[in-house]
Amino acid sequence: MSVDPSPPVREYIGLIWIEDKPGIRLRILATSSDEARSRVTEEHGEGHVMSIWNEEDASSPR
């Protein structure tokens, strides 16, 4: 029996604010919040304020 060691791909949502423009809503598929943040940075560049989360993680008790 073979077990796939790769983490599951999940949907992350969020917002990014570029300069003084209104926030842009994001939806991205990634295996972790770090990967999601990295991919958004690749697309939009560095230095922007962003907030990215996974709904399942956000709604789980802490």
C-alpha atoms as a PDB file:
ATOM      1  CA  MET A   1       0.000   0.000   0.000  1.00  0.00           C
ATOM      2  CA  SER A   2       1.394   3.396  -1.033  1.00  0.00           C
ATOM      3  CA  VAL A   3       0.722   6.496   1.028  1.00  0.00           C
ATOM      4  CA  ASP A   4       0.996   9.891  -0.649  1.00  0.00           C
ATOM      5  CA  PRO A   5       3.201  12.006   1.645  1.00  0.00           C
ATOM      6  CA  SER A   6       2.292  15.344   0.049  1.00  0.00           C
ATOM      7  CA  PRO A   7      -0.067  17.580   2.042  1.00  0.00           C
ATOM      8  CA  PRO A   8      -3.526  18.196   0.606  1.00  0.00           C
ATOM      9  CA  VAL A   9      -4.189  21.238  -1.531  1.00  0.00           C
ATOM     10  CA  ARG A  10      -6.655  23.578   0.146  1.00  0.00           C
ATOM     11  CA  GLU A  11      -8.332  26.838  -0.768  1.00  0.00           C
ATOM     12  CA  TYR A  12      -7.007  29.988   0.891  1.00  0.00           C
ATOM     13  CA  ILE A  13      -8.820  33.290   0.678  1.00  0.00           C
ATOM     14  CA  GLY A  14      -7.741  36.770   1.581  1.00  0.00           C
ATOM     15  CA  LEU A  15      -7.142  40.374   0.685  1.00  0.00           C
ATOM     16  CA  ILE A  16      -4.159  42.337  -0.572  1.00  0.00           C
ATOM     17  CA  TRP A  17      -3.820  46.102  -0.479  1.00  0.00           C
ATOM     18  CA  ILE A  18      -1.554  47.598  -3.145  1.00  0.00           C
ATOM     19  CA  GLU A  19      -0.562  51.215  -2.526  1.00  0.00           C
ATOM     20  CA  ASP A  20      -3.664  53.309  -1.751  1.00  0.00           C
ATOM     21  CA  LYS A  21      -6.051  51.244  -3.896  1.00  0.00           C
ATOM     22  CA  PRO A  22      -8.989  49.290  -2.424  1.00  0.00           C
ATOM     23  CA  GLY A  23      -8.207  45.741  -1.291  1.00  0.00           C
ATOM     24  CA  ILE A  24      -8.240  42.962  -3.890  1.00  0.00           C
ATOM     25  CA  ARG A  25      -9.957  39.722  -2.893  1.00  0.00           C
ATOM     26  CA  LEU A  26      -7.901  36.566  -3.405  1.00  0.00           C
ATOM     27  CA  ARG A  27      -8.645  32.862  -3.807  1.00  0.00           C
ATOM     28  CA  ILE A  28      -5.675  30.567  -4.197  1.00  0.00           C
ATOM     29  CA  LEU A  29      -5.074  26.814  -3.975  1.00  0.00           C
ATOM     30  CA  ALA A  30      -2.014  25.860  -1.925  1.00  0.00           C
ATOM     31  CA  THR A  31      -0.763  23.212   0.490  1.00  0.00           C
ATOM     32  CA  SER A  32      -0.035  25.723   3.289  1.00  0.00           C
ATOM     33  CA  SER A  33      -0.550  29.346   4.246  1.00  0.00           C
ATOM     34  CA  ASP A  34       3.170  29.964   3.638  1.00  0.00           C
ATOM     35  CA  GLU A  35       2.862  28.627   0.089  1.00  0.00           C
ATOM     36  CA  ALA A  36      -0.272  30.719  -0.515  1.00  0.00           C
ATOM     37  CA  ARG A  37       1.474  33.874   0.753  1.00  0.00           C
ATOM     38  CA  SER A  38       4.542  33.108  -1.383  1.00  0.00           C
ATOM     39  CA  ARG A  39       2.464  32.628  -4.532  1.00  0.00           C
ATOM     40  CA  VAL A  40       0.563  35.892  -3.953  1.00  0.00           C
ATOM     41  CA  THR A  41       3.888  37.696  -3.421  1.00  0.00           C
ATOM     42  CA  GLU A  42       5.207  36.228  -6.698  1.00  0.00           C
ATOM     43  CA  GLU A  43       2.151  37.509  -8.552  1.00  0.00           C
ATOM     44  CA  HIS A  44       1.793  40.966  -6.972  1.00  0.00           C
ATOM     45  CA  GLY A  45       5.314  41.747  -5.740  1.00  0.00           C
ATOM     46  CA  GLU A  46       6.711  42.353  -2.262  1.00  0.00           C
ATOM     47  CA  GLY A  47       5.912  45.083   0.225  1.00  0.00           C
ATOM     48  CA  HIS A  48       2.110  44.931   0.155  1.00  0.00           C
ATOM     49  CA  VAL A  49      -0.161  44.385   3.129  1.00  0.00           C
ATOM     50  CA  MET A  50      -2.037  41.079   2.811  1.00  0.00           C
ATOM     51  CA  SER A  51      -4.228  38.811   4.877  1.00  0.00           C
ATOM     52  CA  ILE A  52      -4.630  35.166   3.817  1.00  0.00           C
ATOM     53  CA  TRP A  53      -6.455  32.372   5.634  1.00  0.00           C
ATOM     54  CA  ASN A  54      -8.101  29.000   5.186  1.00  0.00           C
ATOM     55  CA  GLU A  55     -11.775  28.943   6.244  1.00  0.00           C
ATOM     56  CA  GLU A  56     -11.456  25.509   7.862  1.00  0.00           C
ATOM     57  CA  ASP A  57      -8.526  26.699   9.983  1.00  0.00           C
ATOM     58  CA  ALA A  58     -10.230  29.986  10.825  1.00  0.00           C
ATOM     59  CA  SER A  59     -13.361  28.274  12.120  1.00  0.00           C
ATOM     60  CA  SER A  60     -11.591  25.607  14.201  1.00  0.00           C
ATOM     61  CA  PRO A  61     -11.286  26.137  17.982  1.00  0.00           C
ATOM     62  CA  ARG A  62      -7.963  27.354  19.272  1.00  0.00           C
END
